[in-house]
Amino acid sequence: MTSQALTPSMDGKTCLVTGATAGIGFIAARELARAGARVLLAGRSPQTSTEAAGRIREEIPNADVAPLAADLASQAEVRRLARDVATATDRLDVLVNNAGGIWLDRADTVDGVETTFAVNHLAPFLLTNLLLASLRSAPSARVVNVASGAHRGVAMDFDDLEGRRRYNGWRAYQRSKLANILFTRELAGRLKGDSISVNCLHPGYVNTRIFRDATWKGAVMRAFARAFAITPEQGAATTVYLATSPDVADVTGEYFVKSRPAVPSRAARDDDAARRLWDVSAAMARLEDAGG
């Protein structure tokens, strides 16, 4: 568990954490607040976000936390969240793209996009681009993308990104996590010379609500997680490290495991795939229409 003594001071800094109502997102938000940051807690509903803020204040009475709500499966709500952040603060020092999930049976979002790809990749892609102005307003900002070691063993299938011809829930999750790393590397390159660093991480196999699938398959995965996974406190450690540590102030475009740089898969280091994914994502998210 991240302790106040080990986390550098975040006094005067503002952070946004998505998926902040449970699991590693909640722990990361709590520890950033404990370190003195003002933390914007983004959850899927006003109720869950407000409850998360209350739980943090119970542990840390002087915590400066503010609940925000957005269903990241909806691009309209991602845009609204970006506007809410811009209203809440004139600068953003840290953006933690943590929200995600596994949908073992294929489903489309309100935008007609496969849900795993939409929530795990397109949402952070769009949100980050919309918040670049807020991030540039900070003297030195950080974007932290929660990826996964599950990215290994797959490549991007640009002919069937959304699994319309053939869908496997676990493979869809793997590819979304691969997309997180490719996005991290491409964004870092595009921001070269800017005041924003971008890194991603594997949190470990964590016992969280990510296995929210309501079918028997989801129940099996949740049972397995309870038996073998690490705690959310352990899983959040690398996120907090990348958000706060002076050791990585000038590091960008890297993938971390257990708070140390690691080498992702060959597919995750494919610069051509990263550029192609960016272009496809920008079109799917209507980035130009969103002002990105």
C-alpha atoms as a PDB file:
ATOM      1  CA  MET A   1       0.000   0.000   0.000  1.00  0.00           C
ATOM      2  CA  THR A   2       1.215   3.485  -0.886  1.00  0.00           C
ATOM      3  CA  SER A   3       1.920   5.465   2.244  1.00  0.00           C
ATOM      4  CA  GLN A   4       1.867   9.174   2.816  1.00  0.00           C
ATOM      5  CA  ALA A   5       5.512   9.097   3.892  1.00  0.00           C
ATOM      6  CA  LEU A   6       6.621   7.537   0.608  1.00  0.00           C
ATOM      7  CA  THR A   7       4.486   9.631  -1.738  1.00  0.00           C
ATOM      8  CA  PRO A   8       5.981  13.003  -2.725  1.00  0.00           C
ATOM      9  CA  SER A   9       3.930  16.042  -1.855  1.00  0.00           C
ATOM     10  CA  MET A  10       1.277  16.959  -4.381  1.00  0.00           C
ATOM     11  CA  ASP A  11       0.284  20.212  -2.679  1.00  0.00           C
ATOM     12  CA  GLY A  12      -1.104  22.712  -5.158  1.00  0.00           C
ATOM     13  CA  LYS A  13      -1.609  20.136  -7.905  1.00  0.00           C
ATOM     14  CA  THR A  14      -4.854  18.996  -9.486  1.00  0.00           C
ATOM     15  CA  CYS A  15      -5.408  15.436 -10.657  1.00  0.00           C
ATOM     16  CA  LEU A  16      -8.197  13.704 -12.558  1.00  0.00           C
ATOM     17  CA  VAL A  17      -8.649   9.961 -12.044  1.00  0.00           C
ATOM     18  CA  THR A  18     -11.167   8.040 -14.143  1.00  0.00           C
ATOM     19  CA  GLY A  19     -12.693   4.903 -12.722  1.00  0.00           C
ATOM     20  CA  ALA A  20     -12.060   6.425  -9.316  1.00  0.00           C
ATOM     21  CA  THR A  21     -14.983   4.879  -7.452  1.00  0.00           C
ATOM     22  CA  ALA A  22     -13.528   1.408  -6.850  1.00  0.00           C
ATOM     23  CA  GLY A  23     -10.449  -0.773  -7.206  1.00  0.00           C
ATOM     24  CA  ILE A  24      -7.079   0.664  -8.104  1.00  0.00           C
ATOM     25  CA  GLY A  25      -8.648   3.900  -9.321  1.00  0.00           C
ATOM     26  CA  PHE A  26     -10.134   4.585  -5.904  1.00  0.00           C
ATOM     27  CA  ILE A  27      -6.870   3.742  -4.130  1.00  0.00           C
ATOM     28  CA  ALA A  28      -4.849   5.933  -6.500  1.00  0.00           C
ATOM     29  CA  ALA A  29      -7.263   8.829  -6.016  1.00  0.00           C
ATOM     30  CA  ARG A  30      -7.162   8.384  -2.242  1.00  0.00           C
ATOM     31  CA  GLU A  31      -3.361   8.374  -2.129  1.00  0.00           C
ATOM     32  CA  LEU A  32      -3.072  11.410  -4.381  1.00  0.00           C
ATOM     33  CA  ALA A  33      -5.480  13.214  -2.057  1.00  0.00           C
ATOM     34  CA  ARG A  34      -3.469  12.024   0.929  1.00  0.00           C
ATOM     35  CA  ALA A  35      -0.370  13.561  -0.677  1.00  0.00           C
ATOM     36  CA  GLY A  36      -2.141  16.923  -0.824  1.00  0.00           C
ATOM     37  CA  ALA A  37      -3.489  17.021  -4.371  1.00  0.00           C
ATOM     38  CA  ARG A  38      -6.908  18.270  -5.343  1.00  0.00           C
ATOM     39  CA  VAL A  39      -8.437  15.165  -6.921  1.00  0.00           C
ATOM     40  CA  LEU A  40     -11.320  15.100  -9.380  1.00  0.00           C
ATOM     41  CA  LEU A  41     -13.015  11.706  -9.073  1.00  0.00           C
ATOM     42  CA  ALA A  42     -14.661  10.517 -12.286  1.00  0.00           C
ATOM     43  CA  GLY A  43     -17.143   7.671 -11.979  1.00  0.00           C
ATOM     44  CA  ARG A  44     -20.019   6.327 -14.042  1.00  0.00           C
ATOM     45  CA  SER A  45     -22.729   7.990 -11.939  1.00  0.00           C
ATOM     46  CA  PRO A  46     -23.079  10.984  -9.602  1.00  0.00           C
ATOM     47  CA  GLN A  47     -24.001   8.610  -6.780  1.00  0.00           C
ATOM     48  CA  THR A  48     -20.920   6.389  -7.008  1.00  0.00           C
ATOM     49  CA  SER A  49     -18.606   9.377  -7.441  1.00  0.00           C
ATOM     50  CA  THR A  50     -20.099  11.185  -4.463  1.00  0.00           C
ATOM     51  CA  GLU A  51     -19.880   8.040  -2.339  1.00  0.00           C
ATOM     52  CA  ALA A  52     -16.211   7.603  -3.285  1.00  0.00           C
ATOM     53  CA  ALA A  53     -15.470  11.192  -2.318  1.00  0.00           C
ATOM     54  CA  GLY A  54     -17.193  10.591   1.013  1.00  0.00           C
ATOM     55  CA  ARG A  55     -15.144   7.459   1.702  1.00  0.00           C
ATOM     56  CA  ILE A  56     -11.932   9.345   1.033  1.00  0.00           C
ATOM     57  CA  ARG A  57     -12.967  12.178   3.349  1.00  0.00           C
ATOM     58  CA  GLU A  58     -13.746   9.659   6.087  1.00  0.00           C
ATOM     59  CA  GLU A  59     -10.125   8.455   5.934  1.00  0.00           C
ATOM     60  CA  ILE A  60      -8.580  11.842   5.164  1.00  0.00           C
ATOM     61  CA  PRO A  61     -10.727  14.619   6.706  1.00  0.00           C
ATOM     62  CA  ASN A  62      -8.855  17.426   4.942  1.00  0.00           C
ATOM     63  CA  ALA A  63      -8.929  15.739   1.536  1.00  0.00           C
ATOM     64  CA  ASP A  64      -9.723  18.059  -1.381  1.00  0.00           C
ATOM     65  CA  VAL A  65     -11.801  15.795  -3.611  1.00  0.00           C
ATOM     66  CA  ALA A  66     -14.567  16.615  -6.070  1.00  0.00           C
ATOM     67  CA  PRO A  67     -16.886  14.064  -7.679  1.00  0.00           C
ATOM     68  CA  LEU A  68     -17.561  14.088 -11.428  1.00  0.00           C
ATOM     69  CA  ALA A  69     -19.695  11.676 -13.412  1.00  0.00           C
ATOM     70  CA  ALA A  70     -19.492  10.299 -16.943  1.00  0.00           C
ATOM     71  CA  ASP A  71     -20.308   7.026 -18.630  1.00  0.00           C
ATOM     72  CA  LEU A  72     -17.180   6.616 -20.723  1.00  0.00           C
ATOM     73  CA  ALA A  73     -19.006   4.292 -23.097  1.00  0.00           C
ATOM     74  CA  SER A  74     -20.609   7.444 -24.517  1.00  0.00           C
ATOM     75  CA  GLN A  75     -18.468   9.873 -26.492  1.00  0.00           C
ATOM     76  CA  ALA A  76     -20.923  12.654 -25.667  1.00  0.00           C
ATOM     77  CA  GLU A  77     -20.342  12.029 -21.963  1.00  0.00           C
ATOM     78  CA  VAL A  78     -16.565  11.952 -22.466  1.00  0.00           C
ATOM     79  CA  ARG A  79     -16.858  15.400 -24.048  1.00  0.00           C
ATOM     80  CA  ARG A  80     -19.042  16.573 -21.187  1.00  0.00           C
ATOM     81  CA  LEU A  81     -16.516  15.290 -18.661  1.00  0.00           C
ATOM     82  CA  ALA A  82     -13.774  17.261 -20.408  1.00  0.00           C
ATOM     83  CA  ARG A  83     -15.927  20.399 -20.198  1.00  0.00           C
ATOM     84  CA  ASP A  84     -16.639  19.737 -16.525  1.00  0.00           C
ATOM     85  CA  VAL A  85     -12.913  19.415 -15.823  1.00  0.00           C
ATOM     86  CA  ALA A  86     -12.191  22.665 -17.654  1.00  0.00           C
ATOM     87  CA  THR A  87     -14.879  24.338 -15.551  1.00  0.00           C
ATOM     88  CA  ALA A  88     -13.556  22.860 -12.299  1.00  0.00           C
ATOM     89  CA  THR A  89      -9.915  23.845 -12.768  1.00  0.00           C
ATOM     90  CA  ASP A  90      -7.803  26.155 -14.876  1.00  0.00           C
ATOM     91  CA  ARG A  91      -5.016  23.576 -15.071  1.00  0.00           C
ATOM     92  CA  LEU A  92      -4.561  19.838 -14.805  1.00  0.00           C
ATOM     93  CA  ASP A  93      -1.291  18.476 -13.442  1.00  0.00           C
ATOM     94  CA  VAL A  94      -2.076  14.745 -13.681  1.00  0.00           C
ATOM     95  CA  LEU A  95      -4.540  12.757 -15.759  1.00  0.00           C
ATOM     96  CA  VAL A  96      -4.900   9.110 -14.776  1.00  0.00           C
ATOM     97  CA  ASN A  97      -6.770   7.142 -17.435  1.00  0.00           C
ATOM     98  CA  ASN A  98      -7.710   4.207 -15.236  1.00  0.00           C
ATOM     99  CA  ALA A  99     -11.306   3.294 -16.107  1.00  0.00           C
ATOM    100  CA  GLY A 100     -11.802   0.055 -18.003  1.00  0.00           C
ATOM    101  CA  GLY A 101     -13.535  -3.263 -18.082  1.00  0.00           C
ATOM    102  CA  ILE A 102     -13.931  -6.654 -19.693  1.00  0.00           C
ATOM    103  CA  TRP A 103     -17.075  -7.535 -21.618  1.00  0.00           C
ATOM    104  CA  LEU A 104     -16.964 -11.226 -22.440  1.00  0.00           C
ATOM    105  CA  ASP A 105     -19.990 -11.067 -24.739  1.00  0.00           C
ATOM    106  CA  ARG A 106     -19.973  -8.565 -27.557  1.00  0.00           C
ATOM    107  CA  ALA A 107     -22.085  -5.428 -27.175  1.00  0.00           C
ATOM    108  CA  ASP A 108     -22.151  -2.021 -28.837  1.00  0.00           C
ATOM    109  CA  THR A 109     -22.192   1.361 -27.116  1.00  0.00           C
ATOM    110  CA  VAL A 110     -24.678   4.129 -27.808  1.00  0.00           C
ATOM    111  CA  ASP A 111     -22.232   5.282 -30.495  1.00  0.00           C
ATOM    112  CA  GLY A 112     -22.322   1.880 -32.192  1.00  0.00           C
ATOM    113  CA  VAL A 113     -18.784   0.967 -31.133  1.00  0.00           C
ATOM    114  CA  GLU A 114     -17.816  -2.344 -29.521  1.00  0.00           C
ATOM    115  CA  THR A 115     -17.846  -1.678 -25.777  1.00  0.00           C
ATOM    116  CA  THR A 116     -14.409  -2.952 -24.744  1.00  0.00           C
ATOM    117  CA  PHE A 117     -12.653  -0.961 -27.459  1.00  0.00           C
ATOM    118  CA  ALA A 118     -14.810   2.106 -26.758  1.00  0.00           C
ATOM    119  CA  VAL A 119     -14.317   2.229 -22.988  1.00  0.00           C
ATOM    120  CA  ASN A 120     -10.756   0.947 -22.687  1.00  0.00           C
ATOM    121  CA  HIS A 121      -9.219   2.789 -25.627  1.00  0.00           C
ATOM    122  CA  LEU A 122     -11.396   5.344 -27.407  1.00  0.00           C
ATOM    123  CA  ALA A 123     -12.541   7.030 -24.193  1.00  0.00           C
ATOM    124  CA  PRO A 124      -9.036   7.763 -22.849  1.00  0.00           C
ATOM    125  CA  PHE A 125      -7.881   8.671 -26.368  1.00  0.00           C
ATOM    126  CA  LEU A 126     -10.639  11.259 -26.731  1.00  0.00           C
ATOM    127  CA  LEU A 127     -10.531  12.518 -23.137  1.00  0.00           C
ATOM    128  CA  THR A 128      -6.781  13.045 -23.189  1.00  0.00           C
ATOM    129  CA  ASN A 129      -6.896  14.970 -26.455  1.00  0.00           C
ATOM    130  CA  LEU A 130      -9.718  17.155 -25.162  1.00  0.00           C
ATOM    131  CA  LEU A 131      -7.756  17.935 -21.988  1.00  0.00           C
ATOM    132  CA  LEU A 132      -4.444  18.828 -23.636  1.00  0.00           C
ATOM    133  CA  ALA A 133      -5.047  22.549 -23.140  1.00  0.00           C
ATOM    134  CA  SER A 134      -5.644  22.007 -19.415  1.00  0.00           C
ATOM    135  CA  LEU A 135      -2.553  19.814 -19.183  1.00  0.00           C
ATOM    136  CA  ARG A 136      -0.447  22.403 -21.008  1.00  0.00           C
ATOM    137  CA  SER A 137      -1.544  24.995 -18.444  1.00  0.00           C
ATOM    138  CA  ALA A 138       0.421  23.115 -15.775  1.00  0.00           C
ATOM    139  CA  PRO A 139       4.168  23.723 -15.497  1.00  0.00           C
ATOM    140  CA  SER A 140       4.837  20.016 -15.932  1.00  0.00           C
ATOM    141  CA  ALA A 141       1.905  17.670 -16.458  1.00  0.00           C
ATOM    142  CA  ARG A 142       1.643  13.899 -16.556  1.00  0.00           C
ATOM    143  CA  VAL A 143      -0.670  11.472 -18.311  1.00  0.00           C
ATOM    144  CA  VAL A 144      -0.769   7.988 -16.789  1.00  0.00           C
ATOM    145  CA  ASN A 145      -2.505   5.259 -18.787  1.00  0.00           C
ATOM    146  CA  VAL A 146      -3.377   2.015 -17.030  1.00  0.00           C
ATOM    147  CA  ALA A 147      -2.613  -0.719 -19.550  1.00  0.00           C
ATOM    148  CA  SER A 148      -1.971  -4.396 -18.766  1.00  0.00           C
ATOM    149  CA  GLY A 149       0.435  -7.247 -19.275  1.00  0.00           C
ATOM    150  CA  ALA A 150      -2.534  -8.885 -20.998  1.00  0.00           C
ATOM    151  CA  HIS A 151      -1.461  -7.012 -24.134  1.00  0.00           C
ATOM    152  CA  ARG A 152       1.052  -9.763 -24.870  1.00  0.00           C
ATOM    153  CA  GLY A 153       0.170 -12.373 -27.438  1.00  0.00           C
ATOM    154  CA  VAL A 154      -1.988 -10.238 -29.732  1.00  0.00           C
ATOM    155  CA  ALA A 155      -1.585  -7.658 -32.486  1.00  0.00           C
ATOM    156  CA  MET A 156      -4.010  -4.986 -33.642  1.00  0.00           C
ATOM    157  CA  ASP A 157      -6.464  -6.403 -36.166  1.00  0.00           C
ATOM    158  CA  PHE A 158      -7.240  -3.319 -38.230  1.00  0.00           C
ATOM    159  CA  ASP A 159      -9.514  -5.318 -40.498  1.00  0.00           C
ATOM    160  CA  ASP A 160     -11.783  -6.197 -37.571  1.00  0.00           C
ATOM    161  CA  LEU A 161     -10.990  -3.810 -34.696  1.00  0.00           C
ATOM    162  CA  GLU A 162     -14.430  -4.190 -33.149  1.00  0.00           C
ATOM    163  CA  GLY A 163     -14.802  -7.949 -33.488  1.00  0.00           C
ATOM    164  CA  ARG A 164     -17.738  -7.730 -35.855  1.00  0.00           C
ATOM    165  CA  ARG A 165     -16.707 -10.824 -37.787  1.00  0.00           C
ATOM    166  CA  ARG A 166     -15.243 -12.799 -34.908  1.00  0.00           C
ATOM    167  CA  TYR A 167     -15.449 -11.827 -31.249  1.00  0.00           C
ATOM    168  CA  ASN A 168     -13.618 -13.198 -28.250  1.00  0.00           C
ATOM    169  CA  GLY A 169     -14.070 -11.189 -25.054  1.00  0.00           C
ATOM    170  CA  TRP A 170     -10.619 -11.875 -23.663  1.00  0.00           C
ATOM    171  CA  ARG A 171      -8.933 -11.113 -26.992  1.00  0.00           C
ATOM    172  CA  ALA A 172     -10.897  -7.882 -27.226  1.00  0.00           C
ATOM    173  CA  TYR A 173      -9.597  -6.910 -23.794  1.00  0.00           C
ATOM    174  CA  GLN A 174      -6.033  -7.831 -24.763  1.00  0.00           C
ATOM    175  CA  ARG A 175      -6.179  -5.683 -27.872  1.00  0.00           C
ATOM    176  CA  SER A 176      -7.642  -2.756 -25.950  1.00  0.00           C
ATOM    177  CA  LYS A 177      -4.694  -2.915 -23.562  1.00  0.00           C
ATOM    178  CA  LEU A 178      -2.302  -3.135 -26.491  1.00  0.00           C
ATOM    179  CA  ALA A 179      -4.033  -0.038 -27.837  1.00  0.00           C
ATOM    180  CA  ASN A 180      -3.323   1.747 -24.528  1.00  0.00           C
ATOM    181  CA  ILE A 181       0.402   1.205 -24.989  1.00  0.00           C
ATOM    182  CA  LEU A 182       0.408   2.180 -28.665  1.00  0.00           C
ATOM    183  CA  PHE A 183      -1.555   5.321 -27.783  1.00  0.00           C
ATOM    184  CA  THR A 184       0.919   6.152 -25.016  1.00  0.00           C
ATOM    185  CA  ARG A 185       3.908   5.841 -27.331  1.00  0.00           C
ATOM    186  CA  GLU A 186       2.296   7.795 -30.185  1.00  0.00           C
ATOM    187  CA  LEU A 187       1.058  10.602 -27.925  1.00  0.00           C
ATOM    188  CA  ALA A 188       4.464  10.888 -26.269  1.00  0.00           C
ATOM    189  CA  GLY A 189       6.030  11.304 -29.702  1.00  0.00           C
ATOM    190  CA  ARG A 190       3.497  13.927 -30.744  1.00  0.00           C
ATOM    191  CA  LEU A 191       4.124  15.869 -27.517  1.00  0.00           C
ATOM    192  CA  LYS A 192       7.906  15.739 -27.803  1.00  0.00           C
ATOM    193  CA  GLY A 193       9.322  19.011 -26.497  1.00  0.00           C
ATOM    194  CA  ASP A 194       6.054  19.787 -24.715  1.00  0.00           C
ATOM    195  CA  SER A 195       5.564  20.069 -20.949  1.00  0.00           C
ATOM    196  CA  ILE A 196       3.496  16.856 -20.786  1.00  0.00           C
ATOM    197  CA  SER A 197       4.884  13.383 -20.138  1.00  0.00           C
ATOM    198  CA  VAL A 198       2.894  10.266 -21.042  1.00  0.00           C
ATOM    199  CA  ASN A 199       3.531   6.813 -19.577  1.00  0.00           C
ATOM    200  CA  CYS A 200       1.600   3.590 -19.119  1.00  0.00           C
ATOM    201  CA  LEU A 201       1.747   0.636 -16.778  1.00  0.00           C
ATOM    202  CA  HIS A 202       0.778  -2.904 -15.941  1.00  0.00           C
ATOM    203  CA  PRO A 203      -0.809  -2.818 -12.465  1.00  0.00           C
ATOM    204  CA  GLY A 204      -0.571  -6.568 -11.932  1.00  0.00           C
ATOM    205  CA  TYR A 205      -3.385  -9.083 -11.764  1.00  0.00           C
ATOM    206  CA  VAL A 206      -5.634  -7.155  -9.407  1.00  0.00           C
ATOM    207  CA  ASN A 207      -8.816  -8.219  -7.638  1.00  0.00           C
ATOM    208  CA  THR A 208     -11.149  -5.415  -8.765  1.00  0.00           C
ATOM    209  CA  ARG A 209     -14.576  -4.958 -10.335  1.00  0.00           C
ATOM    210  CA  ILE A 210     -13.119  -5.097 -13.849  1.00  0.00           C
ATOM    211  CA  PHE A 211     -14.714  -8.534 -14.261  1.00  0.00           C
ATOM    212  CA  ARG A 212     -18.170  -6.989 -14.222  1.00  0.00           C
ATOM    213  CA  ASP A 213     -19.606  -9.321 -16.870  1.00  0.00           C
ATOM    214  CA  ALA A 214     -22.925 -10.637 -15.542  1.00  0.00           C
ATOM    215  CA  THR A 215     -22.712 -14.050 -17.201  1.00  0.00           C
ATOM    216  CA  TRP A 216     -21.340 -17.248 -15.693  1.00  0.00           C
ATOM    217  CA  LYS A 217     -18.057 -16.525 -17.443  1.00  0.00           C
ATOM    218  CA  GLY A 218     -17.710 -13.296 -15.496  1.00  0.00           C
ATOM    219  CA  ALA A 219     -18.517 -15.094 -12.255  1.00  0.00           C
ATOM    220  CA  VAL A 220     -15.731 -17.595 -12.935  1.00  0.00           C
ATOM    221  CA  MET A 221     -13.225 -14.800 -13.597  1.00  0.00           C
ATOM    222  CA  ARG A 222     -14.247 -12.966 -10.417  1.00  0.00           C
ATOM    223  CA  ALA A 223     -13.820 -16.139  -8.378  1.00  0.00           C
ATOM    224  CA  PHE A 224     -10.386 -16.707  -9.881  1.00  0.00           C
ATOM    225  CA  ALA A 225      -9.415 -13.116  -9.101  1.00  0.00           C
ATOM    226  CA  ARG A 226     -10.488 -13.460  -5.482  1.00  0.00           C
ATOM    227  CA  ALA A 227      -8.295 -16.519  -5.131  1.00  0.00           C
ATOM    228  CA  PHE A 228      -5.134 -15.420  -6.926  1.00  0.00           C
ATOM    229  CA  ALA A 229      -5.066 -11.663  -7.557  1.00  0.00           C
ATOM    230  CA  ILE A 230      -3.160  -8.986  -5.655  1.00  0.00           C
ATOM    231  CA  THR A 231      -4.958  -6.274  -3.692  1.00  0.00           C
ATOM    232  CA  PRO A 232      -6.040  -2.939  -5.201  1.00  0.00           C
ATOM    233  CA  GLU A 233      -3.542  -1.252  -2.856  1.00  0.00           C
ATOM    234  CA  GLN A 234      -0.711  -3.241  -4.418  1.00  0.00           C
ATOM    235  CA  GLY A 235      -2.085  -2.696  -7.889  1.00  0.00           C
ATOM    236  CA  ALA A 236      -2.315   1.085  -7.499  1.00  0.00           C
ATOM    237  CA  ALA A 237       1.308   1.534  -6.439  1.00  0.00           C
ATOM    238  CA  THR A 238       2.745   1.998  -9.937  1.00  0.00           C
ATOM    239  CA  THR A 239      -0.015   4.418 -10.905  1.00  0.00           C
ATOM    240  CA  VAL A 240       0.757   6.588  -7.886  1.00  0.00           C
ATOM    241  CA  TYR A 241       4.486   6.336  -8.598  1.00  0.00           C
ATOM    242  CA  LEU A 242       4.080   7.555 -12.176  1.00  0.00           C
ATOM    243  CA  ALA A 243       1.761  10.351 -11.059  1.00  0.00           C
ATOM    244  CA  THR A 244       4.039  11.675  -8.326  1.00  0.00           C
ATOM    245  CA  SER A 245       7.649  10.517  -8.372  1.00  0.00           C
ATOM    246  CA  PRO A 246      10.373  13.013  -9.313  1.00  0.00           C
ATOM    247  CA  ASP A 247      12.323  10.041 -10.689  1.00  0.00           C
ATOM    248  CA  VAL A 248      10.053   9.954 -13.762  1.00  0.00           C
ATOM    249  CA  ALA A 249       9.535  13.685 -14.211  1.00  0.00           C
ATOM    250  CA  ASP A 250      11.414  13.629 -17.515  1.00  0.00           C
ATOM    251  CA  VAL A 251      10.438  10.121 -18.631  1.00  0.00           C
ATOM    252  CA  THR A 252       7.857   9.737 -21.391  1.00  0.00           C
ATOM    253  CA  GLY A 253       6.548   7.077 -23.741  1.00  0.00           C
ATOM    254  CA  GLU A 254       7.480   4.201 -21.458  1.00  0.00           C
ATOM    255  CA  TYR A 255       5.761   1.115 -20.071  1.00  0.00           C
ATOM    256  CA  PHE A 256       6.194   0.319 -16.370  1.00  0.00           C
ATOM    257  CA  VAL A 257       5.777  -2.803 -14.254  1.00  0.00           C
ATOM    258  CA  LYS A 258       6.216  -2.646 -10.472  1.00  0.00           C
ATOM    259  CA  SER A 259       7.329   0.989 -10.754  1.00  0.00           C
ATOM    260  CA  ARG A 260      10.165   0.119 -13.119  1.00  0.00           C
ATOM    261  CA  PRO A 261      10.516   0.514 -16.884  1.00  0.00           C
ATOM    262  CA  ALA A 262       9.770  -2.705 -18.760  1.00  0.00           C
ATOM    263  CA  VAL A 263       9.787  -3.781 -22.389  1.00  0.00           C
ATOM    264  CA  PRO A 264       6.286  -4.370 -23.799  1.00  0.00           C
ATOM    265  CA  SER A 265       5.566  -6.831 -26.567  1.00  0.00           C
ATOM    266  CA  ARG A 266       6.897  -6.432 -30.101  1.00  0.00           C
ATOM    267  CA  ALA A 267       3.385  -5.500 -31.264  1.00  0.00           C
ATOM    268  CA  ALA A 268       3.306  -2.722 -28.656  1.00  0.00           C
ATOM    269  CA  ARG A 269       6.513  -1.288 -30.112  1.00  0.00           C
ATOM    270  CA  ASP A 270       5.179  -1.132 -33.679  1.00  0.00           C
ATOM    271  CA  ASP A 271       5.346   2.563 -34.584  1.00  0.00           C
ATOM    272  CA  ASP A 272       3.428   2.072 -37.833  1.00  0.00           C
ATOM    273  CA  ALA A 273       0.592   0.394 -35.930  1.00  0.00           C
ATOM    274  CA  ALA A 274       0.617   3.231 -33.371  1.00  0.00           C
ATOM    275  CA  ARG A 275       0.236   5.855 -36.100  1.00  0.00           C
ATOM    276  CA  ARG A 276      -2.472   3.884 -37.864  1.00  0.00           C
ATOM    277  CA  LEU A 277      -4.361   3.358 -34.612  1.00  0.00           C
ATOM    278  CA  TRP A 278      -4.212   7.088 -33.920  1.00  0.00           C
ATOM    279  CA  ASP A 279      -5.708   7.929 -37.296  1.00  0.00           C
ATOM    280  CA  VAL A 280      -8.452   5.310 -36.979  1.00  0.00           C
ATOM    281  CA  SER A 281      -9.247   6.402 -33.406  1.00  0.00           C
ATOM    282  CA  ALA A 282      -9.398  10.077 -34.362  1.00  0.00           C
ATOM    283  CA  ALA A 283     -11.963   9.259 -37.042  1.00  0.00           C
ATOM    284  CA  MET A 284     -14.029   6.990 -34.764  1.00  0.00           C
ATOM    285  CA  ALA A 285     -14.027   9.572 -31.956  1.00  0.00           C
ATOM    286  CA  ARG A 286     -14.691  12.459 -34.355  1.00  0.00           C
ATOM    287  CA  LEU A 287     -11.726  14.212 -32.820  1.00  0.00           C
ATOM    288  CA  GLU A 288     -11.792  17.143 -35.229  1.00  0.00           C
ATOM    289  CA  ASP A 289     -15.462  17.770 -34.417  1.00  0.00           C
ATOM    290  CA  ALA A 290     -14.556  17.681 -30.721  1.00  0.00           C
ATOM    291  CA  GLY A 291     -11.966  20.402 -31.137  1.00  0.00           C
ATOM    292  CA  GLY A 292      -8.990  18.054 -30.694  1.00  0.00           C
END
